[in-house]
N, C-alpha and C. Protein backbone atom coordinates (compact mmCIF):
# COMPACT_ATOMS: atom_id res chain seq x y z
N MET A 1 83.32 126.86 129.21
CA MET A 1 84.13 126.56 128.06
C MET A 1 83.28 126.54 126.81
N ASP A 2 83.78 127.08 125.72
CA ASP A 2 83.05 127.11 124.45
C ASP A 2 83.37 125.86 123.65
N VAL A 3 82.36 125.10 123.30
CA VAL A 3 82.56 123.86 122.56
C VAL A 3 82.22 124.08 121.09
N ASP A 4 82.27 125.33 120.63
CA ASP A 4 81.90 125.71 119.27
C ASP A 4 80.43 125.36 119.01
N ASN A 5 80.10 125.16 117.75
CA ASN A 5 78.72 124.82 117.43
C ASN A 5 78.57 123.36 117.05
N GLU A 6 79.63 122.57 117.26
CA GLU A 6 79.59 121.18 116.82
C GLU A 6 78.69 120.33 117.71
N PHE A 7 78.49 120.73 118.91
CA PHE A 7 77.73 119.91 119.84
C PHE A 7 76.59 120.70 120.45
N ASP A 8 75.48 120.03 120.59
CA ASP A 8 74.31 120.62 121.21
C ASP A 8 74.52 120.67 122.72
N GLN A 9 74.41 121.86 123.29
CA GLN A 9 74.63 121.99 124.73
C GLN A 9 73.64 121.15 125.52
N ASN A 10 72.40 121.05 125.05
CA ASN A 10 71.42 120.23 125.76
C ASN A 10 71.83 118.77 125.77
N LEU A 11 72.43 118.33 124.66
CA LEU A 11 72.89 116.95 124.58
C LEU A 11 74.02 116.72 125.57
N LEU A 12 74.93 117.69 125.66
CA LEU A 12 76.03 117.58 126.61
C LEU A 12 75.52 117.44 128.04
N GLN A 13 74.44 118.19 128.36
CA GLN A 13 73.92 118.15 129.73
C GLN A 13 73.31 116.79 130.06
N GLN A 14 72.90 116.07 129.03
CA GLN A 14 72.28 114.77 129.27
C GLN A 14 73.32 113.68 129.58
N PHE A 15 74.59 113.93 129.22
CA PHE A 15 75.59 112.90 129.39
C PHE A 15 75.72 112.48 130.85
N SER A 16 75.68 113.45 131.75
CA SER A 16 75.86 113.13 133.17
C SER A 16 74.70 112.31 133.71
N CYS A 17 73.59 112.25 132.96
CA CYS A 17 72.43 111.49 133.41
C CYS A 17 72.39 110.08 132.83
N LEU A 18 73.37 109.75 131.99
CA LEU A 18 73.33 108.43 131.35
C LEU A 18 73.52 107.31 132.36
N GLY A 19 74.37 107.55 133.35
CA GLY A 19 74.49 106.61 134.45
C GLY A 19 75.29 105.35 134.17
N THR A 20 75.84 105.20 132.99
CA THR A 20 76.59 103.98 132.71
C THR A 20 77.96 104.04 133.35
N THR A 21 78.40 102.89 133.87
CA THR A 21 79.75 102.81 134.44
C THR A 21 80.62 101.85 133.63
N ASP A 22 80.05 101.29 132.58
CA ASP A 22 80.81 100.37 131.74
C ASP A 22 81.83 101.17 130.93
N LYS A 23 83.10 100.86 131.15
CA LYS A 23 84.16 101.66 130.51
C LYS A 23 84.16 101.52 129.00
N ASP A 24 83.87 100.32 128.51
CA ASP A 24 83.81 100.13 127.05
C ASP A 24 82.70 100.97 126.44
N ASP A 25 81.55 101.03 127.13
CA ASP A 25 80.44 101.86 126.64
C ASP A 25 80.83 103.33 126.62
N LEU A 26 81.51 103.77 127.66
CA LEU A 26 81.92 105.17 127.73
C LEU A 26 82.91 105.52 126.61
N VAL A 27 83.84 104.60 126.34
CA VAL A 27 84.80 104.83 125.26
C VAL A 27 84.06 104.98 123.93
N LYS A 28 83.09 104.08 123.67
CA LYS A 28 82.33 104.13 122.43
C LYS A 28 81.50 105.41 122.33
N GLN A 29 80.91 105.83 123.46
CA GLN A 29 80.11 107.05 123.45
C GLN A 29 80.99 108.27 123.15
N LEU A 30 82.18 108.31 123.76
CA LEU A 30 83.07 109.44 123.51
C LEU A 30 83.52 109.46 122.05
N GLN A 31 83.83 108.29 121.50
CA GLN A 31 84.22 108.22 120.09
C GLN A 31 83.08 108.68 119.18
N ARG A 32 81.85 108.28 119.52
CA ARG A 32 80.70 108.66 118.70
C ARG A 32 80.45 110.17 118.77
N LEU A 33 80.52 110.72 119.97
CA LEU A 33 80.24 112.15 120.14
C LEU A 33 81.33 113.03 119.54
N LEU A 34 82.57 112.51 119.48
CA LEU A 34 83.68 113.25 118.88
C LEU A 34 84.07 112.61 117.55
N ALA A 35 83.07 112.14 116.81
CA ALA A 35 83.32 111.40 115.57
C ALA A 35 84.16 112.20 114.59
N GLY A 36 83.93 113.51 114.54
CA GLY A 36 84.70 114.35 113.61
C GLY A 36 86.17 114.42 113.93
N SER A 37 86.53 114.03 115.16
CA SER A 37 87.93 114.07 115.57
C SER A 37 88.63 112.73 115.37
N HIS A 38 87.89 111.70 115.01
CA HIS A 38 88.44 110.36 114.72
C HIS A 38 89.30 109.83 115.87
N LEU A 39 88.76 109.92 117.08
CA LEU A 39 89.50 109.40 118.25
C LEU A 39 89.63 107.89 118.16
N ASN A 40 90.82 107.36 118.42
CA ASN A 40 90.92 105.90 118.53
C ASN A 40 90.58 105.51 119.97
N GLU A 41 90.45 104.21 120.21
CA GLU A 41 90.01 103.73 121.53
C GLU A 41 90.98 104.12 122.64
N ALA A 42 92.28 104.02 122.34
CA ALA A 42 93.28 104.32 123.37
C ALA A 42 93.22 105.78 123.80
N THR A 43 93.06 106.68 122.81
CA THR A 43 93.00 108.11 123.13
C THR A 43 91.72 108.44 123.89
N ALA A 44 90.60 107.85 123.47
CA ALA A 44 89.34 108.07 124.17
C ALA A 44 89.43 107.60 125.62
N ALA A 45 90.03 106.41 125.80
CA ALA A 45 90.18 105.88 127.16
C ALA A 45 91.08 106.77 128.01
N PHE A 46 92.11 107.36 127.37
CA PHE A 46 93.02 108.24 128.09
C PHE A 46 92.27 109.45 128.66
N PHE A 47 91.45 110.10 127.83
CA PHE A 47 90.72 111.29 128.30
C PHE A 47 89.68 110.93 129.35
N LEU A 48 89.04 109.77 129.20
CA LEU A 48 88.06 109.35 130.19
C LEU A 48 88.73 109.01 131.52
N ASP A 49 89.84 108.27 131.45
CA ASP A 49 90.54 107.89 132.67
C ASP A 49 91.06 109.13 133.41
N MET A 50 91.51 110.11 132.64
CA MET A 50 92.04 111.35 133.22
C MET A 50 90.94 112.12 133.97
N ASN A 51 89.69 111.85 133.59
CA ASN A 51 88.56 112.56 134.20
C ASN A 51 87.64 111.61 134.98
N ASN A 52 88.26 110.56 135.57
CA ASN A 52 87.52 109.60 136.40
C ASN A 52 86.30 109.03 135.68
N TRP A 53 86.45 108.84 134.38
CA TRP A 53 85.42 108.22 133.53
C TRP A 53 84.11 109.01 133.53
N ASN A 54 84.26 110.34 133.64
CA ASN A 54 83.10 111.24 133.49
C ASN A 54 83.08 111.73 132.05
N LEU A 55 82.01 111.37 131.32
CA LEU A 55 81.96 111.63 129.88
C LEU A 55 81.99 113.12 129.56
N GLN A 56 81.19 113.91 130.27
CA GLN A 56 81.15 115.33 129.99
C GLN A 56 82.50 116.00 130.28
N ALA A 57 83.12 115.61 131.39
CA ALA A 57 84.43 116.18 131.74
C ALA A 57 85.49 115.77 130.71
N ALA A 58 85.39 114.55 130.20
CA ALA A 58 86.35 114.08 129.20
C ALA A 58 86.23 114.89 127.91
N ILE A 59 85.00 115.22 127.52
CA ILE A 59 84.80 116.05 126.32
C ILE A 59 85.41 117.43 126.51
N CYS A 60 85.18 118.02 127.66
CA CYS A 60 85.75 119.34 127.94
C CYS A 60 87.28 119.29 127.93
N SER A 61 87.85 118.24 128.53
CA SER A 61 89.30 118.11 128.55
C SER A 61 89.85 117.94 127.14
N TYR A 62 89.13 117.18 126.32
CA TYR A 62 89.59 116.97 124.95
C TYR A 62 89.68 118.30 124.21
N PHE A 63 88.65 119.14 124.33
CA PHE A 63 88.69 120.43 123.64
C PHE A 63 89.72 121.38 124.23
N ASP A 64 89.91 121.30 125.55
CA ASP A 64 90.96 122.11 126.17
C ASP A 64 92.33 121.70 125.63
N PHE A 65 92.50 120.41 125.41
CA PHE A 65 93.78 119.89 124.92
C PHE A 65 93.98 120.21 123.45
N GLU A 66 92.93 120.02 122.64
CA GLU A 66 93.07 120.16 121.20
C GLU A 66 93.05 121.61 120.72
N SER A 67 92.36 122.49 121.43
CA SER A 67 92.16 123.84 120.90
C SER A 67 93.47 124.60 120.65
N PRO A 68 94.48 124.48 121.53
CA PRO A 68 95.72 125.20 121.22
C PRO A 68 96.62 124.42 120.28
N PHE A 69 96.23 123.18 119.97
CA PHE A 69 97.09 122.31 119.19
C PHE A 69 96.65 122.33 117.74
N LYS A 70 97.52 122.76 116.87
CA LYS A 70 97.22 122.81 115.45
C LYS A 70 97.66 121.52 114.79
N LEU A 71 96.71 120.85 114.14
CA LEU A 71 97.06 119.59 113.47
C LEU A 71 97.94 119.87 112.26
N PRO A 72 98.80 118.91 111.92
CA PRO A 72 99.62 119.06 110.71
C PRO A 72 98.74 119.10 109.46
N SER A 73 99.34 119.45 108.35
CA SER A 73 98.63 119.49 107.07
C SER A 73 99.31 118.55 106.09
N MET A 74 98.49 117.89 105.26
CA MET A 74 99.02 116.99 104.25
C MET A 74 98.11 117.00 103.03
N GLY A 75 98.72 117.13 101.85
CA GLY A 75 97.97 117.07 100.61
C GLY A 75 98.44 115.91 99.76
N LEU A 76 97.48 115.17 99.19
CA LEU A 76 97.81 114.06 98.28
C LEU A 76 98.08 114.64 96.89
N ILE A 77 99.26 114.37 96.35
CA ILE A 77 99.62 114.90 95.03
C ILE A 77 99.22 113.93 93.92
N CYS A 78 99.65 112.68 94.03
CA CYS A 78 99.30 111.72 92.99
C CYS A 78 99.57 110.29 93.46
N ASP A 79 98.98 109.34 92.76
CA ASP A 79 99.28 107.93 92.97
C ASP A 79 100.50 107.61 92.12
N SER A 80 101.57 107.15 92.75
CA SER A 80 102.82 106.89 92.02
C SER A 80 103.14 105.39 91.97
N THR A 81 102.11 104.56 92.13
CA THR A 81 102.29 103.11 92.11
C THR A 81 102.84 102.64 90.77
N ILE A 82 103.88 101.79 90.82
CA ILE A 82 104.38 101.15 89.60
C ILE A 82 103.30 100.19 89.10
N GLY A 83 102.86 100.36 87.85
CA GLY A 83 101.81 99.51 87.30
C GLY A 83 100.42 99.94 87.70
N GLU A 84 100.23 101.17 88.12
CA GLU A 84 98.91 101.69 88.51
C GLU A 84 97.91 101.44 87.38
N GLY A 85 96.75 100.92 87.76
CA GLY A 85 95.72 100.64 86.77
C GLY A 85 95.68 99.18 86.35
N GLU A 86 96.75 98.44 86.61
CA GLU A 86 96.77 97.02 86.26
C GLU A 86 96.06 96.21 87.36
N SER A 87 95.47 95.09 86.97
CA SER A 87 94.80 94.24 87.95
C SER A 87 95.82 93.39 88.70
N VAL A 88 95.37 92.86 89.84
CA VAL A 88 96.24 92.07 90.72
C VAL A 88 95.69 90.64 90.80
N PRO A 89 96.55 89.62 90.71
CA PRO A 89 96.07 88.25 90.92
C PRO A 89 95.63 88.07 92.38
N PRO A 90 94.77 87.09 92.66
CA PRO A 90 94.36 86.83 94.05
C PRO A 90 95.55 86.42 94.91
N ASN A 91 95.46 86.75 96.20
CA ASN A 91 96.47 86.33 97.20
C ASN A 91 97.90 86.68 96.78
N THR A 92 98.09 87.89 96.30
CA THR A 92 99.39 88.30 95.78
C THR A 92 99.87 89.57 96.48
N LYS A 93 101.15 89.58 96.87
CA LYS A 93 101.75 90.78 97.47
C LYS A 93 101.96 91.84 96.40
N PHE A 94 101.66 93.08 96.75
CA PHE A 94 101.91 94.20 95.85
C PHE A 94 102.11 95.46 96.69
N ARG A 95 102.52 96.52 96.04
CA ARG A 95 102.81 97.77 96.74
C ARG A 95 102.00 98.92 96.14
N LYS A 96 101.41 99.72 97.04
CA LYS A 96 100.76 100.96 96.60
C LYS A 96 101.59 102.13 97.12
N SER A 97 101.79 103.13 96.24
CA SER A 97 102.62 104.29 96.60
C SER A 97 101.94 105.58 96.20
N TRP A 98 102.18 106.62 96.98
CA TRP A 98 101.62 107.93 96.69
C TRP A 98 102.65 109.01 96.99
N GLN A 99 102.58 110.09 96.26
CA GLN A 99 103.35 111.29 96.60
C GLN A 99 102.45 112.21 97.40
N VAL A 100 102.93 112.62 98.57
CA VAL A 100 102.18 113.53 99.42
C VAL A 100 103.09 114.72 99.78
N GLN A 101 102.46 115.79 100.23
CA GLN A 101 103.22 116.99 100.57
C GLN A 101 102.79 117.53 101.91
N ASN A 102 103.75 118.02 102.67
CA ASN A 102 103.45 118.78 103.88
C ASN A 102 103.01 120.16 103.41
N THR A 103 101.71 120.40 103.42
CA THR A 103 101.16 121.66 102.91
C THR A 103 101.04 122.72 103.99
N GLY A 104 101.51 122.42 105.20
CA GLY A 104 101.41 123.37 106.30
C GLY A 104 102.60 124.30 106.38
N THR A 105 102.67 125.02 107.47
CA THR A 105 103.75 125.99 107.69
C THR A 105 104.75 125.51 108.73
N GLU A 106 104.51 124.29 109.28
CA GLU A 106 105.42 123.74 110.28
C GLU A 106 105.76 122.30 109.91
N ALA A 107 106.92 121.83 110.39
CA ALA A 107 107.32 120.45 110.14
C ALA A 107 106.35 119.50 110.84
N TRP A 108 106.18 118.32 110.26
CA TRP A 108 105.37 117.32 110.92
C TRP A 108 106.04 116.89 112.22
N PRO A 109 105.25 116.62 113.26
CA PRO A 109 105.85 116.22 114.55
C PRO A 109 106.34 114.79 114.53
N GLU A 110 107.06 114.41 115.57
CA GLU A 110 107.51 113.03 115.73
C GLU A 110 106.29 112.11 115.89
N GLY A 111 106.41 110.90 115.40
CA GLY A 111 105.38 109.90 115.64
C GLY A 111 104.25 109.85 114.64
N VAL A 112 104.34 110.63 113.54
CA VAL A 112 103.28 110.60 112.53
C VAL A 112 103.32 109.26 111.80
N TYR A 113 102.14 108.74 111.46
CA TYR A 113 102.08 107.46 110.75
C TYR A 113 100.87 107.42 109.81
N LEU A 114 100.94 106.52 108.84
CA LEU A 114 99.84 106.28 107.90
C LEU A 114 99.09 105.06 108.39
N GLN A 115 97.76 105.21 108.58
CA GLN A 115 96.95 104.19 109.25
C GLN A 115 95.78 103.75 108.38
N HIS A 116 95.55 102.43 108.31
CA HIS A 116 94.35 101.91 107.67
C HIS A 116 93.15 102.24 108.54
N THR A 117 92.11 102.89 107.96
CA THR A 117 90.98 103.34 108.76
C THR A 117 89.63 102.80 108.31
N GLY A 118 89.60 102.07 107.20
CA GLY A 118 88.31 101.56 106.76
C GLY A 118 88.42 100.76 105.47
N GLY A 119 87.31 100.13 105.10
CA GLY A 119 87.32 99.31 103.90
C GLY A 119 87.97 97.97 104.15
N VAL A 120 88.41 97.33 103.07
CA VAL A 120 88.96 95.98 103.14
C VAL A 120 90.40 96.02 103.64
N LYS A 121 90.71 95.17 104.62
CA LYS A 121 92.10 95.02 105.05
C LYS A 121 92.79 94.05 104.10
N MET A 122 93.87 94.49 103.50
CA MET A 122 94.60 93.65 102.56
C MET A 122 95.93 93.26 103.21
N GLY A 123 96.03 92.00 103.64
CA GLY A 123 97.18 91.61 104.44
C GLY A 123 96.99 92.13 105.85
N ASP A 124 98.10 92.41 106.55
CA ASP A 124 97.96 92.89 107.92
C ASP A 124 97.70 94.39 108.00
N SER A 125 97.90 95.12 106.87
CA SER A 125 97.60 96.56 106.82
C SER A 125 98.20 97.31 108.02
N SER A 126 99.45 97.00 108.32
CA SER A 126 100.10 97.62 109.47
C SER A 126 100.31 99.12 109.25
N PRO A 127 100.29 99.92 110.33
CA PRO A 127 100.60 101.34 110.21
C PRO A 127 102.01 101.54 109.66
N VAL A 128 102.19 102.62 108.90
CA VAL A 128 103.48 102.92 108.29
C VAL A 128 104.04 104.20 108.92
N ALA A 129 105.21 104.10 109.53
CA ALA A 129 105.84 105.28 110.13
C ALA A 129 106.21 106.29 109.04
N VAL A 130 106.01 107.56 109.35
CA VAL A 130 106.27 108.64 108.39
C VAL A 130 107.30 109.60 109.01
N PRO A 131 108.32 110.00 108.26
CA PRO A 131 109.34 110.90 108.82
C PRO A 131 108.81 112.31 109.04
N CYS A 132 109.50 113.05 109.87
CA CYS A 132 109.17 114.47 110.10
C CYS A 132 109.74 115.26 108.92
N VAL A 133 108.88 115.83 108.10
CA VAL A 133 109.36 116.58 106.94
C VAL A 133 109.02 118.05 107.09
N ALA A 134 109.84 118.88 106.48
CA ALA A 134 109.67 120.34 106.55
C ALA A 134 108.49 120.78 105.70
N PRO A 135 107.99 121.99 105.93
CA PRO A 135 106.89 122.52 105.13
C PRO A 135 107.23 122.51 103.64
N LYS A 136 106.21 122.18 102.82
CA LYS A 136 106.29 122.14 101.35
C LYS A 136 107.10 120.96 100.81
N THR A 137 107.63 120.12 101.71
CA THR A 137 108.39 118.95 101.27
C THR A 137 107.46 117.90 100.70
N ILE A 138 107.88 117.28 99.60
CA ILE A 138 107.13 116.19 98.98
C ILE A 138 107.86 114.87 99.26
N LEU A 139 107.13 113.86 99.66
CA LEU A 139 107.74 112.55 99.87
C LEU A 139 106.81 111.46 99.36
N GLU A 140 107.38 110.27 99.19
CA GLU A 140 106.59 109.14 98.72
C GLU A 140 106.31 108.20 99.87
N LEU A 141 105.04 107.83 100.00
CA LEU A 141 104.62 106.86 101.00
C LEU A 141 104.23 105.57 100.30
N SER A 142 104.58 104.43 100.88
CA SER A 142 104.23 103.14 100.29
C SER A 142 103.70 102.21 101.36
N VAL A 143 102.76 101.35 100.96
CA VAL A 143 102.26 100.30 101.85
C VAL A 143 102.36 98.97 101.11
N GLU A 144 102.76 97.95 101.85
CA GLU A 144 102.85 96.59 101.31
C GLU A 144 101.55 95.87 101.63
N LEU A 145 100.87 95.37 100.61
CA LEU A 145 99.55 94.78 100.77
C LEU A 145 99.49 93.39 100.14
N VAL A 146 98.42 92.67 100.45
CA VAL A 146 98.16 91.37 99.84
C VAL A 146 96.74 91.41 99.30
N SER A 147 96.56 91.07 98.03
CA SER A 147 95.24 91.12 97.40
C SER A 147 94.31 90.06 98.00
N PRO A 148 93.00 90.37 98.05
CA PRO A 148 92.03 89.37 98.54
C PRO A 148 92.00 88.12 97.68
N ALA A 149 91.42 87.05 98.24
CA ALA A 149 91.42 85.75 97.56
C ALA A 149 90.42 85.67 96.42
N GLU A 150 89.32 86.44 96.52
CA GLU A 150 88.26 86.36 95.51
C GLU A 150 88.37 87.49 94.50
N PRO A 151 88.11 87.21 93.21
CA PRO A 151 88.11 88.28 92.20
C PRO A 151 87.06 89.35 92.52
N GLY A 152 87.32 90.57 92.11
CA GLY A 152 86.39 91.67 92.34
C GLY A 152 87.12 92.98 92.48
N VAL A 153 86.37 94.05 92.76
CA VAL A 153 86.94 95.37 92.99
C VAL A 153 86.91 95.64 94.49
N TYR A 154 88.05 96.04 95.04
CA TYR A 154 88.16 96.25 96.48
C TYR A 154 88.74 97.64 96.76
N GLN A 155 88.36 98.19 97.89
CA GLN A 155 88.92 99.47 98.29
C GLN A 155 89.16 99.51 99.79
N SER A 156 90.16 100.25 100.17
CA SER A 156 90.43 100.50 101.59
C SER A 156 90.85 101.95 101.76
N LYS A 157 90.67 102.44 102.96
CA LYS A 157 90.87 103.86 103.26
C LYS A 157 92.03 104.00 104.24
N TRP A 158 92.90 104.96 103.96
CA TRP A 158 94.07 105.22 104.80
C TRP A 158 94.11 106.70 105.16
N ARG A 159 94.57 106.99 106.38
CA ARG A 159 94.70 108.38 106.84
C ARG A 159 96.05 108.57 107.53
N MET A 160 96.54 109.79 107.46
CA MET A 160 97.70 110.17 108.26
C MET A 160 97.20 110.48 109.67
N ALA A 161 98.03 110.15 110.67
CA ALA A 161 97.64 110.38 112.05
C ALA A 161 98.83 110.85 112.86
N THR A 162 98.55 111.63 113.90
CA THR A 162 99.59 112.05 114.84
C THR A 162 99.81 110.94 115.85
N SER A 163 100.82 111.10 116.68
CA SER A 163 101.13 110.08 117.69
C SER A 163 99.99 109.92 118.70
N THR A 164 99.11 110.93 118.82
CA THR A 164 97.96 110.84 119.74
C THR A 164 96.73 110.27 119.07
N GLY A 165 96.84 109.93 117.76
CA GLY A 165 95.72 109.31 117.08
C GLY A 165 94.79 110.26 116.37
N SER A 166 95.14 111.54 116.25
CA SER A 166 94.31 112.50 115.54
C SER A 166 94.63 112.47 114.05
N TYR A 167 93.61 112.23 113.23
CA TYR A 167 93.81 112.15 111.79
C TYR A 167 93.93 113.54 111.18
N PHE A 168 94.70 113.62 110.09
CA PHE A 168 94.83 114.91 109.39
C PHE A 168 95.11 114.66 107.93
N GLY A 169 94.89 115.68 107.12
CA GLY A 169 95.23 115.62 105.70
C GLY A 169 94.21 114.89 104.85
N ASP A 170 94.53 114.79 103.57
CA ASP A 170 93.64 114.15 102.60
C ASP A 170 93.49 112.66 102.89
N VAL A 171 92.33 112.13 102.55
CA VAL A 171 92.10 110.69 102.62
C VAL A 171 92.84 110.01 101.47
N ILE A 172 93.48 108.89 101.75
CA ILE A 172 94.17 108.11 100.72
C ILE A 172 93.39 106.81 100.50
N TRP A 173 93.02 106.57 99.26
CA TRP A 173 92.25 105.37 98.92
C TRP A 173 93.10 104.36 98.18
N VAL A 174 92.94 103.11 98.53
CA VAL A 174 93.49 102.00 97.75
C VAL A 174 92.30 101.34 97.04
N ILE A 175 92.30 101.38 95.71
CA ILE A 175 91.24 100.75 94.93
C ILE A 175 91.90 99.82 93.92
N ILE A 176 91.59 98.53 94.01
CA ILE A 176 92.23 97.56 93.11
C ILE A 176 91.19 96.63 92.50
N THR A 177 91.54 96.08 91.36
CA THR A 177 90.76 95.02 90.74
C THR A 177 91.55 93.72 90.87
N VAL A 178 90.92 92.71 91.43
CA VAL A 178 91.55 91.41 91.58
C VAL A 178 90.98 90.46 90.54
N CYS A 179 91.86 89.86 89.74
CA CYS A 179 91.41 88.86 88.76
C CYS A 179 92.57 87.94 88.41
N GLU A 180 92.21 86.73 87.99
CA GLU A 180 93.22 85.78 87.54
C GLU A 180 93.93 86.38 86.33
N GLY A 181 95.23 86.22 86.27
CA GLY A 181 95.97 86.77 85.15
C GLY A 181 96.34 88.23 85.31
N GLY A 182 96.10 88.81 86.51
CA GLY A 182 96.50 90.19 86.76
C GLY A 182 98.01 90.35 86.67
N THR A 183 98.47 91.52 86.24
CA THR A 183 99.89 91.69 85.95
C THR A 183 100.61 92.69 86.87
N LEU A 184 99.90 93.29 87.80
CA LEU A 184 100.51 94.34 88.63
C LEU A 184 101.75 93.84 89.37
N ALA A 185 101.64 92.68 90.03
CA ALA A 185 102.77 92.17 90.82
C ALA A 185 103.97 91.87 89.93
N VAL A 186 103.71 91.30 88.74
CA VAL A 186 104.81 90.99 87.82
C VAL A 186 105.49 92.27 87.35
N THR A 187 104.68 93.28 87.02
CA THR A 187 105.23 94.58 86.59
C THR A 187 106.13 95.16 87.67
N GLN A 188 105.68 95.08 88.93
CA GLN A 188 106.48 95.64 90.03
C GLN A 188 107.76 94.84 90.24
N GLN A 189 107.69 93.52 90.10
CA GLN A 189 108.89 92.69 90.24
C GLN A 189 109.90 92.99 89.15
N LEU A 190 109.43 93.14 87.91
CA LEU A 190 110.32 93.46 86.79
C LEU A 190 110.97 94.83 86.98
N HIS A 191 110.18 95.79 87.48
CA HIS A 191 110.73 97.13 87.73
C HIS A 191 111.81 97.07 88.81
N GLN A 192 111.53 96.31 89.87
CA GLN A 192 112.51 96.18 90.96
C GLN A 192 113.79 95.52 90.46
N LEU A 193 113.63 94.50 89.59
CA LEU A 193 114.79 93.80 89.05
C LEU A 193 115.63 94.73 88.17
N SER A 194 114.97 95.49 87.30
CA SER A 194 115.71 96.39 86.40
C SER A 194 116.39 97.50 87.18
N THR A 195 115.74 97.97 88.25
CA THR A 195 116.33 99.02 89.09
C THR A 195 117.57 98.51 89.80
N SER A 196 117.49 97.29 90.35
CA SER A 196 118.63 96.73 91.08
C SER A 196 119.80 96.44 90.12
N GLN A 197 119.51 96.01 88.89
CA GLN A 197 120.55 95.77 87.91
C GLN A 197 121.24 97.08 87.53
N ALA A 198 120.44 98.14 87.38
CA ALA A 198 121.02 99.45 87.05
C ALA A 198 121.93 99.94 88.16
N ASN A 199 121.51 99.69 89.41
CA ASN A 199 122.34 100.10 90.54
C ASN A 199 123.63 99.30 90.59
N ASP A 200 123.56 98.00 90.25
CA ASP A 200 124.75 97.17 90.23
C ASP A 200 125.76 97.68 89.19
N VAL A 201 125.26 98.10 88.02
CA VAL A 201 126.13 98.63 86.97
C VAL A 201 126.80 99.90 87.42
N GLN A 202 126.05 100.78 88.11
CA GLN A 202 126.60 102.05 88.58
C GLN A 202 127.70 101.80 89.62
N MET A 203 127.49 100.77 90.46
CA MET A 203 128.49 100.47 91.49
C MET A 203 129.77 99.93 90.89
N CYS A 204 129.66 99.23 89.74
CA CYS A 204 130.87 98.73 89.09
C CYS A 204 131.66 99.87 88.47
């Protein structure tokens, strides 16, 4: 099997000599060796378990599985957050939003989600389910966050992922300034209030 040029064949041959039977160690080794693929622990464990926890066999199975599978495409268009650029008070709920586009030639598959992958966790940073959209479709993604308790500049990293845990598309960054007297949350609340009032008028 051809593993492209990403991996040194001599290094691959050494895996069978490592001799470790600790499953946690094997999961970490597989994640490290396939770092460019951003395997999560569950997916790494799946490929190892499927191959009786043989590291070299798991790598070969991963490439056999991924090679015919084309990952979706996603491009970040802009940050569409209400009040973008304003600071946030400590310990305050706020929303970050972005416009993204399916830049590929096929619809996104079922189970795609937006996942926190690094940096500061703001609130629970739960994954956000993303709908299956057609090629060239633009949609808005939003995450509900809570600002850290201490003033400062914070950032976190988010990625789109398939149901199997493979990341794709542009990296999405959340970068905020936390300070007393920040106005972002108030701006968003006022916008939400004016929007709901406008909708009430239309319904009448």
